[in-house]
Amino acid sequence: MKNILLLLSILIFASCDFFTSKTKQFDHQQFVENYYKAYEKEDIDFLRKYFIEDNIEWFGKNDPLTNDEVIERHFSKFNKEDFLETNIFNLEIISENNNFSIITFDLQYVKYIKKEDRKESDTQKQWMQITCDGKIVKIDIKDFAIKQKTHSNEEKIKSKYTDRVRQIKEMYKEVKSYSKDGKCKTINWEETDEFRPFDREVTECIYPDGYKRITLAFALWESYLTSEYYFVNDKLFFVYEVDEGYDEKNKTRIYFKENGEIEKILVDYGDGNSKVTDHKELDRVTNFNLRWLNIAERELNK
């Protein structure tokens, strides 16, 4: 492969006719792609063939650099950001004459985020000035340390915590942190059950990053129910319910998988949390909680 790239470079650099000939056209796209591929392969000798030896201008810098200084600057940035690969899009020739051409293009780079064990890509506008014999005399590459937000907080949490319950606890904290930023509406009504009216209140709050919470306050026959339902991108991920009677206070926590199935249910009937493992009890607790959510959503959607 190295020999093939070297042969391509020889062909590219052979003559100024690549810029001026009607039968031969200098392939700027291939030139730039080969240049960045050489960084991926860490082929310094091949990279040197892309530059004149000295006085290379770096856009935004006052003092010119040698070719090795430019290469070193690139490598230091790529290594700092765990640079993996590049793609070149939207290449344009800004100006062109018998001596040189100035091009601009979108450099899409992929990097590896070690702390979060994931890949991330971004795109930045780049510039080059190239002589008629295929030598870079001026270049611009921006600081890859400047990141754009390309991942939701939900995705970042999932990449950080593989355990689903830990993910949910972090998402729950995020919703709580947005308490002052929510857009909320509250509905009150009475609902008659076997000729007796019961007070009902439901509040829906919409938060940043796709989060939503529905809270209930329902009077029941023998107790009073308060319940919180947490959503991200309209998917229910957590329920916290308190059913308080005359002399008891029962708490239930339901953790949902991403596909809507039950991850874990914890109940506390006054003697501490215990995990529900019986399938019939799992269904009973889930159906009991979702029944009240269905009633609340019915009123919110009216």
C-alpha atoms as a PDB file:
ATOM      1  CA  MET A   1       0.000   0.000   0.000  1.00  0.00           C
ATOM      2  CA  LYS A   2       2.867   2.357   0.830  1.00  0.00           C
ATOM      3  CA  ASN A   3       4.330   1.837  -2.642  1.00  0.00           C
ATOM      4  CA  ILE A   4       0.964   2.532  -4.235  1.00  0.00           C
ATOM      5  CA  LEU A   5       0.602   5.789  -2.285  1.00  0.00           C
ATOM      6  CA  LEU A   6       4.141   6.766  -3.229  1.00  0.00           C
ATOM      7  CA  LEU A   7       3.382   6.122  -6.893  1.00  0.00           C
ATOM      8  CA  LEU A   8       0.259   8.287  -6.628  1.00  0.00           C
ATOM      9  CA  SER A   9       2.268  11.081  -5.079  1.00  0.00           C
ATOM     10  CA  ILE A  10       4.833  10.930  -7.882  1.00  0.00           C
ATOM     11  CA  LEU A  11       2.073  11.166 -10.465  1.00  0.00           C
ATOM     12  CA  ILE A  12       0.436  14.067  -8.666  1.00  0.00           C
ATOM     13  CA  PHE A  13       3.605  16.031  -8.188  1.00  0.00           C
ATOM     14  CA  ALA A  14       5.017  15.380 -11.655  1.00  0.00           C
ATOM     15  CA  SER A  15       3.907  18.500 -13.500  1.00  0.00           C
ATOM     16  CA  CYS A  16       2.057  21.785 -13.271  1.00  0.00           C
ATOM     17  CA  ASP A  17      -0.018  20.555 -16.186  1.00  0.00           C
ATOM     18  CA  PHE A  18      -2.358  18.996 -13.651  1.00  0.00           C
ATOM     19  CA  PHE A  19      -3.722  22.466 -13.022  1.00  0.00           C
ATOM     20  CA  THR A  20      -3.798  23.717 -16.600  1.00  0.00           C
ATOM     21  CA  SER A  21      -4.205  20.794 -18.974  1.00  0.00           C
ATOM     22  CA  LYS A  22      -7.615  20.129 -20.473  1.00  0.00           C
ATOM     23  CA  THR A  23      -6.839  16.427 -20.748  1.00  0.00           C
ATOM     24  CA  LYS A  24      -5.399  15.987 -17.270  1.00  0.00           C
ATOM     25  CA  GLN A  25      -7.046  17.360 -14.145  1.00  0.00           C
ATOM     26  CA  PHE A  26      -5.412  17.601 -10.741  1.00  0.00           C
ATOM     27  CA  ASP A  27      -7.549  15.510  -8.400  1.00  0.00           C
ATOM     28  CA  HIS A  28      -7.868  17.735  -5.340  1.00  0.00           C
ATOM     29  CA  GLN A  29     -10.225  15.294  -3.635  1.00  0.00           C
ATOM     30  CA  GLN A  30      -7.787  12.396  -3.951  1.00  0.00           C
ATOM     31  CA  PHE A  31      -4.912  14.641  -2.928  1.00  0.00           C
ATOM     32  CA  VAL A  32      -6.591  15.619   0.338  1.00  0.00           C
ATOM     33  CA  GLU A  33      -7.852  12.104   1.080  1.00  0.00           C
ATOM     34  CA  ASN A  34      -4.358  10.635   0.600  1.00  0.00           C
ATOM     35  CA  TYR A  35      -2.922  13.360   2.818  1.00  0.00           C
ATOM     36  CA  TYR A  36      -5.129  12.502   5.796  1.00  0.00           C
ATOM     37  CA  LYS A  37      -4.857   8.754   5.197  1.00  0.00           C
ATOM     38  CA  ALA A  38      -1.106   9.150   5.613  1.00  0.00           C
ATOM     39  CA  TYR A  39      -1.754  10.523   9.119  1.00  0.00           C
ATOM     40  CA  GLU A  40      -3.896   7.491   9.925  1.00  0.00           C
ATOM     41  CA  LYS A  41      -0.998   5.270   8.802  1.00  0.00           C
ATOM     42  CA  GLU A  42       1.525   7.524  10.605  1.00  0.00           C
ATOM     43  CA  ASP A  43       3.664   7.582   7.451  1.00  0.00           C
ATOM     44  CA  ILE A  44       5.856  10.628   8.108  1.00  0.00           C
ATOM     45  CA  ASP A  45       8.163  10.098   5.125  1.00  0.00           C
ATOM     46  CA  PHE A  46       5.203  10.064   2.770  1.00  0.00           C
ATOM     47  CA  LEU A  47       3.695  13.147   4.474  1.00  0.00           C
ATOM     48  CA  ARG A  48       6.872  15.149   3.867  1.00  0.00           C
ATOM     49  CA  LYS A  49       6.333  14.756   0.115  1.00  0.00           C
ATOM     50  CA  TYR A  50       3.150  16.836   0.410  1.00  0.00           C
ATOM     51  CA  PHE A  51       4.981  19.967   1.578  1.00  0.00           C
ATOM     52  CA  ILE A  52       7.619  22.357   0.486  1.00  0.00           C
ATOM     53  CA  GLU A  53      10.439  22.129   3.042  1.00  0.00           C
ATOM     54  CA  ASP A  54      10.185  25.515   4.762  1.00  0.00           C
ATOM     55  CA  ASN A  55       8.060  28.649   5.069  1.00  0.00           C
ATOM     56  CA  ILE A  56       4.718  26.868   5.230  1.00  0.00           C
ATOM     57  CA  GLU A  57       2.029  29.278   6.317  1.00  0.00           C
ATOM     58  CA  TRP A  58      -0.480  28.173   8.897  1.00  0.00           C
ATOM     59  CA  PHE A  59      -3.682  30.164   8.623  1.00  0.00           C
ATOM     60  CA  GLY A  60      -4.000  32.334  11.724  1.00  0.00           C
ATOM     61  CA  LYS A  61      -0.279  32.076  12.657  1.00  0.00           C
ATOM     62  CA  ASN A  62       2.248  34.843  12.052  1.00  0.00           C
ATOM     63  CA  ASP A  63       5.431  32.828  11.706  1.00  0.00           C
ATOM     64  CA  PRO A  64       5.900  30.238   8.920  1.00  0.00           C
ATOM     65  CA  LEU A  65       6.706  26.611   9.792  1.00  0.00           C
ATOM     66  CA  THR A  66       8.772  23.792   8.353  1.00  0.00           C
ATOM     67  CA  ASN A  67       7.033  20.725   6.968  1.00  0.00           C
ATOM     68  CA  ASP A  68       8.043  18.686  10.035  1.00  0.00           C
ATOM     69  CA  GLU A  69       6.621  21.347  12.357  1.00  0.00           C
ATOM     70  CA  VAL A  70       3.281  21.219  10.530  1.00  0.00           C
ATOM     71  CA  ILE A  71       3.246  17.423  10.654  1.00  0.00           C
ATOM     72  CA  GLU A  72       4.137  17.501  14.359  1.00  0.00           C
ATOM     73  CA  ARG A  73       1.322  19.981  15.078  1.00  0.00           C
ATOM     74  CA  HIS A  74      -1.161  17.731  13.295  1.00  0.00           C
ATOM     75  CA  PHE A  75      -0.041  14.607  15.109  1.00  0.00           C
ATOM     76  CA  SER A  76      -0.150  16.346  18.501  1.00  0.00           C
ATOM     77  CA  LYS A  77      -3.763  17.369  17.888  1.00  0.00           C
ATOM     78  CA  PHE A  78      -4.813  14.004  16.515  1.00  0.00           C
ATOM     79  CA  ASN A  79      -3.191  12.098  19.367  1.00  0.00           C
ATOM     80  CA  LYS A  80      -4.616  14.437  21.992  1.00  0.00           C
ATOM     81  CA  GLU A  81      -8.126  13.827  20.732  1.00  0.00           C
ATOM     82  CA  ASP A  82      -7.671  10.090  20.009  1.00  0.00           C
ATOM     83  CA  PHE A  83      -8.067  10.814  16.292  1.00  0.00           C
ATOM     84  CA  LEU A  84      -8.997   7.678  14.317  1.00  0.00           C
ATOM     85  CA  GLU A  85     -10.031   8.458  10.745  1.00  0.00           C
ATOM     86  CA  THR A  86     -11.197  11.200   8.366  1.00  0.00           C
ATOM     87  CA  ASN A  87     -13.605  11.753   5.518  1.00  0.00           C
ATOM     88  CA  ILE A  88     -13.564  14.668   3.085  1.00  0.00           C
ATOM     89  CA  PHE A  89     -16.787  16.301   1.884  1.00  0.00           C
ATOM     90  CA  ASN A  90     -17.891  19.391  -0.048  1.00  0.00           C
ATOM     91  CA  LEU A  91     -14.469  20.201  -1.512  1.00  0.00           C
ATOM     92  CA  GLU A  92     -14.461  23.479  -3.442  1.00  0.00           C
ATOM     93  CA  ILE A  93     -11.753  25.248  -5.448  1.00  0.00           C
ATOM     94  CA  ILE A  94     -11.851  28.848  -4.259  1.00  0.00           C
ATOM     95  CA  SER A  95      -9.276  30.122  -6.754  1.00  0.00           C
ATOM     96  CA  GLU A  96      -6.905  28.577  -9.281  1.00  0.00           C
ATOM     97  CA  ASN A  97      -4.193  29.750 -11.679  1.00  0.00           C
ATOM     98  CA  ASN A  98      -1.023  28.411 -13.294  1.00  0.00           C
ATOM     99  CA  ASN A  99       0.915  28.631 -10.011  1.00  0.00           C
ATOM    100  CA  PHE A 100      -1.386  27.413  -7.264  1.00  0.00           C
ATOM    101  CA  SER A 101      -4.944  26.642  -6.174  1.00  0.00           C
ATOM    102  CA  ILE A 102      -6.781  27.408  -2.935  1.00  0.00           C
ATOM    103  CA  ILE A 103      -9.313  24.816  -1.793  1.00  0.00           C
ATOM    104  CA  THR A 104     -11.726  24.446   1.082  1.00  0.00           C
ATOM    105  CA  PHE A 105     -13.450  21.309   2.318  1.00  0.00           C
ATOM    106  CA  ASP A 106     -15.333  19.796   5.230  1.00  0.00           C
ATOM    107  CA  LEU A 107     -13.094  17.532   7.281  1.00  0.00           C
ATOM    108  CA  GLN A 108     -15.145  14.916   9.119  1.00  0.00           C
ATOM    109  CA  TYR A 109     -13.045  13.236  11.773  1.00  0.00           C
ATOM    110  CA  VAL A 110     -13.754  10.328  14.077  1.00  0.00           C
ATOM    111  CA  LYS A 111     -12.208  10.143  17.513  1.00  0.00           C
ATOM    112  CA  TYR A 112     -12.319   7.725  20.415  1.00  0.00           C
ATOM    113  CA  ILE A 113     -13.463   9.014  23.817  1.00  0.00           C
ATOM    114  CA  LYS A 114     -11.484   6.857  26.231  1.00  0.00           C
ATOM    115  CA  LYS A 115     -13.280   7.849  29.425  1.00  0.00           C
ATOM    116  CA  GLU A 116     -16.699   7.051  27.950  1.00  0.00           C
ATOM    117  CA  ASP A 117     -15.591   4.107  25.762  1.00  0.00           C
ATOM    118  CA  ARG A 118     -17.277   5.351  22.588  1.00  0.00           C
ATOM    119  CA  LYS A 119     -16.583   6.954  19.223  1.00  0.00           C
ATOM    120  CA  GLU A 120     -17.608  10.469  18.273  1.00  0.00           C
ATOM    121  CA  SER A 121     -17.508  12.345  14.976  1.00  0.00           C
ATOM    122  CA  ASP A 122     -17.579  16.014  14.076  1.00  0.00           C
ATOM    123  CA  THR A 123     -17.032  18.168  10.983  1.00  0.00           C
ATOM    124  CA  GLN A 124     -14.949  21.312  10.569  1.00  0.00           C
ATOM    125  CA  LYS A 125     -14.174  23.568   7.624  1.00  0.00           C
ATOM    126  CA  GLN A 126     -10.532  23.403   6.443  1.00  0.00           C
ATOM    127  CA  TRP A 127      -8.358  25.270   3.895  1.00  0.00           C
ATOM    128  CA  MET A 128      -5.273  24.535   1.806  1.00  0.00           C
ATOM    129  CA  GLN A 129      -3.158  26.392  -0.729  1.00  0.00           C
ATOM    130  CA  ILE A 130      -1.413  23.990  -3.138  1.00  0.00           C
ATOM    131  CA  THR A 131       1.278  24.764  -5.721  1.00  0.00           C
ATOM    132  CA  CYS A 132       0.938  23.656  -9.336  1.00  0.00           C
ATOM    133  CA  ASP A 133       3.283  20.740  -8.665  1.00  0.00           C
ATOM    134  CA  GLY A 134       1.237  19.474  -5.732  1.00  0.00           C
ATOM    135  CA  LYS A 135       2.972  20.959  -2.694  1.00  0.00           C
ATOM    136  CA  ILE A 136       1.131  22.440   0.293  1.00  0.00           C
ATOM    137  CA  VAL A 137       2.323  25.960   1.079  1.00  0.00           C
ATOM    138  CA  LYS A 138      -0.494  27.122   3.334  1.00  0.00           C
ATOM    139  CA  ILE A 139      -2.829  25.120   5.549  1.00  0.00           C
ATOM    140  CA  ASP A 140      -5.439  25.569   8.243  1.00  0.00           C
ATOM    141  CA  ILE A 141      -6.540  22.941  10.760  1.00  0.00           C
ATOM    142  CA  LYS A 142      -8.675  23.876  13.705  1.00  0.00           C
ATOM    143  CA  ASP A 143      -8.315  22.754  17.301  1.00  0.00           C
ATOM    144  CA  PHE A 144     -10.100  19.450  17.733  1.00  0.00           C
ATOM    145  CA  ALA A 145     -10.436  20.174  21.436  1.00  0.00           C
ATOM    146  CA  ILE A 146     -13.385  22.444  20.625  1.00  0.00           C
ATOM    147  CA  LYS A 147     -16.338  20.061  20.777  1.00  0.00           C
ATOM    148  CA  GLN A 148     -19.880  20.429  19.603  1.00  0.00           C
ATOM    149  CA  LYS A 149     -22.670  18.743  21.519  1.00  0.00           C
ATOM    150  CA  THR A 150     -23.569  15.774  19.336  1.00  0.00           C
ATOM    151  CA  HIS A 151     -24.914  13.373  21.951  1.00  0.00           C
ATOM    152  CA  SER A 152     -27.907  13.695  24.243  1.00  0.00           C
ATOM    153  CA  ASN A 153     -27.448  13.451  27.989  1.00  0.00           C
ATOM    154  CA  GLU A 154     -29.319  10.148  27.855  1.00  0.00           C
ATOM    155  CA  GLU A 155     -26.721   8.707  25.439  1.00  0.00           C
ATOM    156  CA  LYS A 156     -23.840   9.970  27.563  1.00  0.00           C
ATOM    157  CA  ILE A 157     -25.330   8.369  30.677  1.00  0.00           C
ATOM    158  CA  LYS A 158     -25.840   5.061  28.874  1.00  0.00           C
ATOM    159  CA  SER A 159     -22.243   5.074  27.654  1.00  0.00           C
ATOM    160  CA  LYS A 160     -20.991   5.799  31.181  1.00  0.00           C
ATOM    161  CA  TYR A 161     -23.104   3.265  33.084  1.00  0.00           C
ATOM    162  CA  THR A 162     -23.781  -0.171  31.629  1.00  0.00           C
ATOM    163  CA  ASP A 163     -26.018  -1.153  34.557  1.00  0.00           C
ATOM    164  CA  ARG A 164     -29.604  -0.138  33.725  1.00  0.00           C
ATOM    165  CA  VAL A 165     -30.554   0.776  37.302  1.00  0.00           C
ATOM    166  CA  ARG A 166     -27.514   3.058  37.546  1.00  0.00           C
ATOM    167  CA  GLN A 167     -28.524   4.666  34.263  1.00  0.00           C
ATOM    168  CA  ILE A 168     -32.025   5.303  35.579  1.00  0.00           C
ATOM    169  CA  LYS A 169     -30.738   6.794  38.833  1.00  0.00           C
ATOM    170  CA  GLU A 170     -28.587   9.251  36.871  1.00  0.00           C
ATOM    171  CA  MET A 171     -31.484  10.131  34.549  1.00  0.00           C
ATOM    172  CA  TYR A 172     -33.697  10.639  37.611  1.00  0.00           C
ATOM    173  CA  LYS A 173     -31.116  13.075  39.032  1.00  0.00           C
ATOM    174  CA  GLU A 174     -31.059  14.936  35.725  1.00  0.00           C
ATOM    175  CA  VAL A 175     -34.819  15.432  35.788  1.00  0.00           C
ATOM    176  CA  LYS A 176     -34.603  16.741  39.346  1.00  0.00           C
ATOM    177  CA  SER A 177     -31.863  19.174  38.301  1.00  0.00           C
ATOM    178  CA  TYR A 178     -34.224  20.629  35.685  1.00  0.00           C
ATOM    179  CA  SER A 179     -36.972  21.374  38.235  1.00  0.00           C
ATOM    180  CA  LYS A 180     -36.797  25.127  37.583  1.00  0.00           C
ATOM    181  CA  ASP A 181     -36.694  24.713  33.804  1.00  0.00           C
ATOM    182  CA  GLY A 182     -39.851  22.648  33.356  1.00  0.00           C
ATOM    183  CA  LYS A 183     -42.966  23.759  31.515  1.00  0.00           C
ATOM    184  CA  CYS A 184     -45.799  22.354  33.628  1.00  0.00           C
ATOM    185  CA  LYS A 185     -49.568  22.132  33.529  1.00  0.00           C
ATOM    186  CA  THR A 186     -51.901  20.848  36.261  1.00  0.00           C
ATOM    187  CA  ILE A 187     -55.397  19.400  35.927  1.00  0.00           C
ATOM    188  CA  ASN A 188     -57.844  18.860  38.826  1.00  0.00           C
ATOM    189  CA  TRP A 189     -61.088  16.912  38.659  1.00  0.00           C
ATOM    190  CA  GLU A 190     -63.377  14.546  40.554  1.00  0.00           C
ATOM    191  CA  GLU A 191     -63.975  10.955  39.567  1.00  0.00           C
ATOM    192  CA  THR A 192     -66.861   8.910  40.907  1.00  0.00           C
ATOM    193  CA  ASP A 193     -66.218   5.303  41.858  1.00  0.00           C
ATOM    194  CA  GLU A 194     -69.275   3.340  43.051  1.00  0.00           C
ATOM    195  CA  PHE A 195     -71.235   6.549  43.764  1.00  0.00           C
ATOM    196  CA  ARG A 196     -68.440   8.189  45.763  1.00  0.00           C
ATOM    197  CA  PRO A 197     -66.452  11.146  44.352  1.00  0.00           C
ATOM    198  CA  PHE A 198     -62.672  11.130  44.648  1.00  0.00           C
ATOM    199  CA  ASP A 199     -60.328  14.068  44.155  1.00  0.00           C
ATOM    200  CA  ARG A 200     -57.808  13.733  41.336  1.00  0.00           C
ATOM    201  CA  GLU A 201     -54.833  15.930  40.440  1.00  0.00           C
ATOM    202  CA  VAL A 202     -52.250  15.364  37.719  1.00  0.00           C
ATOM    203  CA  THR A 203     -49.293  17.542  36.717  1.00  0.00           C
ATOM    204  CA  GLU A 204     -47.264  17.100  33.554  1.00  0.00           C
ATOM    205  CA  CYS A 205     -43.856  18.805  33.260  1.00  0.00           C
ATOM    206  CA  ILE A 206     -41.721  18.950  30.107  1.00  0.00           C
ATOM    207  CA  TYR A 207     -37.971  19.358  30.688  1.00  0.00           C
ATOM    208  CA  PRO A 208     -34.883  19.824  28.475  1.00  0.00           C
ATOM    209  CA  ASP A 209     -33.132  16.859  26.797  1.00  0.00           C
ATOM    210  CA  GLY A 210     -36.379  14.977  26.098  1.00  0.00           C
ATOM    211  CA  TYR A 211     -37.323  14.427  29.748  1.00  0.00           C
ATOM    212  CA  LYS A 212     -40.880  14.483  31.078  1.00  0.00           C
ATOM    213  CA  ARG A 213     -42.509  13.792  34.424  1.00  0.00           C
ATOM    214  CA  ILE A 214     -46.147  13.109  35.283  1.00  0.00           C
ATOM    215  CA  THR A 215     -47.102  13.364  38.968  1.00  0.00           C
ATOM    216  CA  LEU A 216     -50.376  12.130  40.450  1.00  0.00           C
ATOM    217  CA  ALA A 217     -52.255  12.864  43.651  1.00  0.00           C
ATOM    218  CA  PHE A 218     -55.277  10.526  43.818  1.00  0.00           C
ATOM    219  CA  ALA A 219     -57.660   9.908  46.710  1.00  0.00           C
ATOM    220  CA  LEU A 220     -58.584   6.213  46.878  1.00  0.00           C
ATOM    221  CA  TRP A 221     -61.080   4.286  49.020  1.00  0.00           C
ATOM    222  CA  GLU A 222     -58.782   3.487  51.922  1.00  0.00           C
ATOM    223  CA  SER A 223     -55.661   5.485  51.131  1.00  0.00           C
ATOM    224  CA  TYR A 224     -54.111   8.391  49.282  1.00  0.00           C
ATOM    225  CA  LEU A 225     -51.837   7.761  46.306  1.00  0.00           C
ATOM    226  CA  THR A 226     -48.971   9.986  45.137  1.00  0.00           C
ATOM    227  CA  SER A 227     -46.976   8.761  42.193  1.00  0.00           C
ATOM    228  CA  GLU A 228     -44.259  10.056  39.867  1.00  0.00           C
ATOM    229  CA  TYR A 229     -43.702   8.743  36.324  1.00  0.00           C
ATOM    230  CA  TYR A 230     -40.462   9.608  34.531  1.00  0.00           C
ATOM    231  CA  PHE A 231     -40.021   9.597  30.747  1.00  0.00           C
ATOM    232  CA  VAL A 232     -37.230  10.233  28.270  1.00  0.00           C
ATOM    233  CA  ASN A 233     -38.206  10.726  24.630  1.00  0.00           C
ATOM    234  CA  ASP A 234     -41.736   9.588  25.628  1.00  0.00           C
ATOM    235  CA  LYS A 235     -40.460   6.248  26.990  1.00  0.00           C
ATOM    236  CA  LEU A 236     -41.296   5.445  30.607  1.00  0.00           C
ATOM    237  CA  PHE A 237     -38.122   4.582  32.518  1.00  0.00           C
ATOM    238  CA  PHE A 238     -38.994   4.949  36.227  1.00  0.00           C
ATOM    239  CA  VAL A 239     -41.994   5.019  38.579  1.00  0.00           C
ATOM    240  CA  TYR A 240     -41.986   6.058  42.231  1.00  0.00           C
ATOM    241  CA  GLU A 241     -45.278   5.498  44.043  1.00  0.00           C
ATOM    242  CA  VAL A 242     -46.378   6.058  47.652  1.00  0.00           C
ATOM    243  CA  ASP A 243     -49.685   4.556  48.833  1.00  0.00           C
ATOM    244  CA  GLU A 244     -50.438   5.958  52.288  1.00  0.00           C
ATOM    245  CA  GLY A 245     -53.281   4.705  54.484  1.00  0.00           C
ATOM    246  CA  TYR A 246     -54.353   5.250  58.083  1.00  0.00           C
ATOM    247  CA  ASP A 247     -51.484   3.377  59.698  1.00  0.00           C
ATOM    248  CA  GLU A 248     -49.241   2.329  56.807  1.00  0.00           C
ATOM    249  CA  LYS A 249     -47.133   3.798  54.068  1.00  0.00           C
ATOM    250  CA  ASN A 250     -46.147   1.560  51.149  1.00  0.00           C
ATOM    251  CA  LYS A 251     -43.517   2.606  48.623  1.00  0.00           C
ATOM    252  CA  THR A 252     -42.888   1.110  45.190  1.00  0.00           C
ATOM    253  CA  ARG A 253     -40.073   1.725  42.713  1.00  0.00           C
ATOM    254  CA  ILE A 254     -40.277   0.331  39.183  1.00  0.00           C
ATOM    255  CA  TYR A 255     -37.296   0.412  36.812  1.00  0.00           C
ATOM    256  CA  PHE A 256     -37.957  -0.168  33.104  1.00  0.00           C
ATOM    257  CA  LYS A 257     -35.686  -1.467  30.367  1.00  0.00           C
ATOM    258  CA  GLU A 258     -35.333   0.539  27.157  1.00  0.00           C
ATOM    259  CA  ASN A 259     -37.802  -1.789  25.406  1.00  0.00           C
ATOM    260  CA  GLY A 260     -40.479  -1.176  28.061  1.00  0.00           C
ATOM    261  CA  GLU A 261     -40.043  -4.445  29.935  1.00  0.00           C
ATOM    262  CA  ILE A 262     -39.474  -4.543  33.688  1.00  0.00           C
ATOM    263  CA  GLU A 263     -35.846  -4.309  34.804  1.00  0.00           C
ATOM    264  CA  LYS A 264     -36.477  -4.320  38.558  1.00  0.00           C
ATOM    265  CA  ILE A 265     -39.221  -3.656  41.128  1.00  0.00           C
ATOM    266  CA  LEU A 266     -38.532  -2.707  44.739  1.00  0.00           C
ATOM    267  CA  VAL A 267     -41.263  -2.515  47.372  1.00  0.00           C
ATOM    268  CA  ASP A 268     -41.105  -1.158  50.905  1.00  0.00           C
ATOM    269  CA  TYR A 269     -44.012  -2.051  53.191  1.00  0.00           C
ATOM    270  CA  GLY A 270     -42.406  -0.429  56.229  1.00  0.00           C
ATOM    271  CA  ASP A 271     -39.541  -2.853  56.743  1.00  0.00           C
ATOM    272  CA  GLY A 272     -37.110  -1.679  54.043  1.00  0.00           C
ATOM    273  CA  ASN A 273     -36.748  -2.300  50.326  1.00  0.00           C
ATOM    274  CA  SER A 274     -37.173  -5.804  48.972  1.00  0.00           C
ATOM    275  CA  LYS A 275     -36.960  -7.000  45.381  1.00  0.00           C
ATOM    276  CA  VAL A 276     -40.078  -8.490  43.790  1.00  0.00           C
ATOM    277  CA  THR A 277     -39.230 -11.746  42.036  1.00  0.00           C
ATOM    278  CA  ASP A 278     -42.544 -13.589  41.790  1.00  0.00           C
ATOM    279  CA  HIS A 279     -43.955 -13.205  38.261  1.00  0.00           C
ATOM    280  CA  LYS A 280     -47.572 -12.826  39.406  1.00  0.00           C
ATOM    281  CA  GLU A 281     -46.582 -10.173  41.922  1.00  0.00           C
ATOM    282  CA  LEU A 282     -44.520  -8.377  39.273  1.00  0.00           C
ATOM    283  CA  ASP A 283     -47.558  -8.202  37.001  1.00  0.00           C
ATOM    284  CA  ARG A 284     -49.873  -7.131  39.834  1.00  0.00           C
ATOM    285  CA  VAL A 285     -47.642  -4.265  40.980  1.00  0.00           C
ATOM    286  CA  THR A 286     -47.011  -3.083  37.417  1.00  0.00           C
ATOM    287  CA  ASN A 287     -50.675  -3.169  36.398  1.00  0.00           C
ATOM    288  CA  PHE A 288     -51.699  -1.362  39.592  1.00  0.00           C
ATOM    289  CA  ASN A 289     -49.285   1.497  38.890  1.00  0.00           C
ATOM    290  CA  LEU A 290     -49.934   1.799  35.169  1.00  0.00           C
ATOM    291  CA  ARG A 291     -53.698   1.883  35.749  1.00  0.00           C
ATOM    292  CA  TRP A 292     -53.368   5.288  37.455  1.00  0.00           C
ATOM    293  CA  LEU A 293     -51.000   6.535  34.753  1.00  0.00           C
ATOM    294  CA  ASN A 294     -53.533   5.614  32.056  1.00  0.00           C
ATOM    295  CA  ILE A 295     -56.219   7.623  33.874  1.00  0.00           C
ATOM    296  CA  ALA A 296     -53.885  10.632  34.167  1.00  0.00           C
ATOM    297  CA  GLU A 297     -52.855  10.519  30.478  1.00  0.00           C
ATOM    298  CA  ARG A 298     -56.498  10.251  29.465  1.00  0.00           C
ATOM    299  CA  GLU A 299     -57.210  13.574  31.205  1.00  0.00           C
ATOM    300  CA  LEU A 300     -54.060  15.246  29.899  1.00  0.00           C
ATOM    301  CA  ASN A 301     -54.967  14.316  26.331  1.00  0.00           C
ATOM    302  CA  LYS A 302     -58.509  15.648  26.443  1.00  0.00           C
END
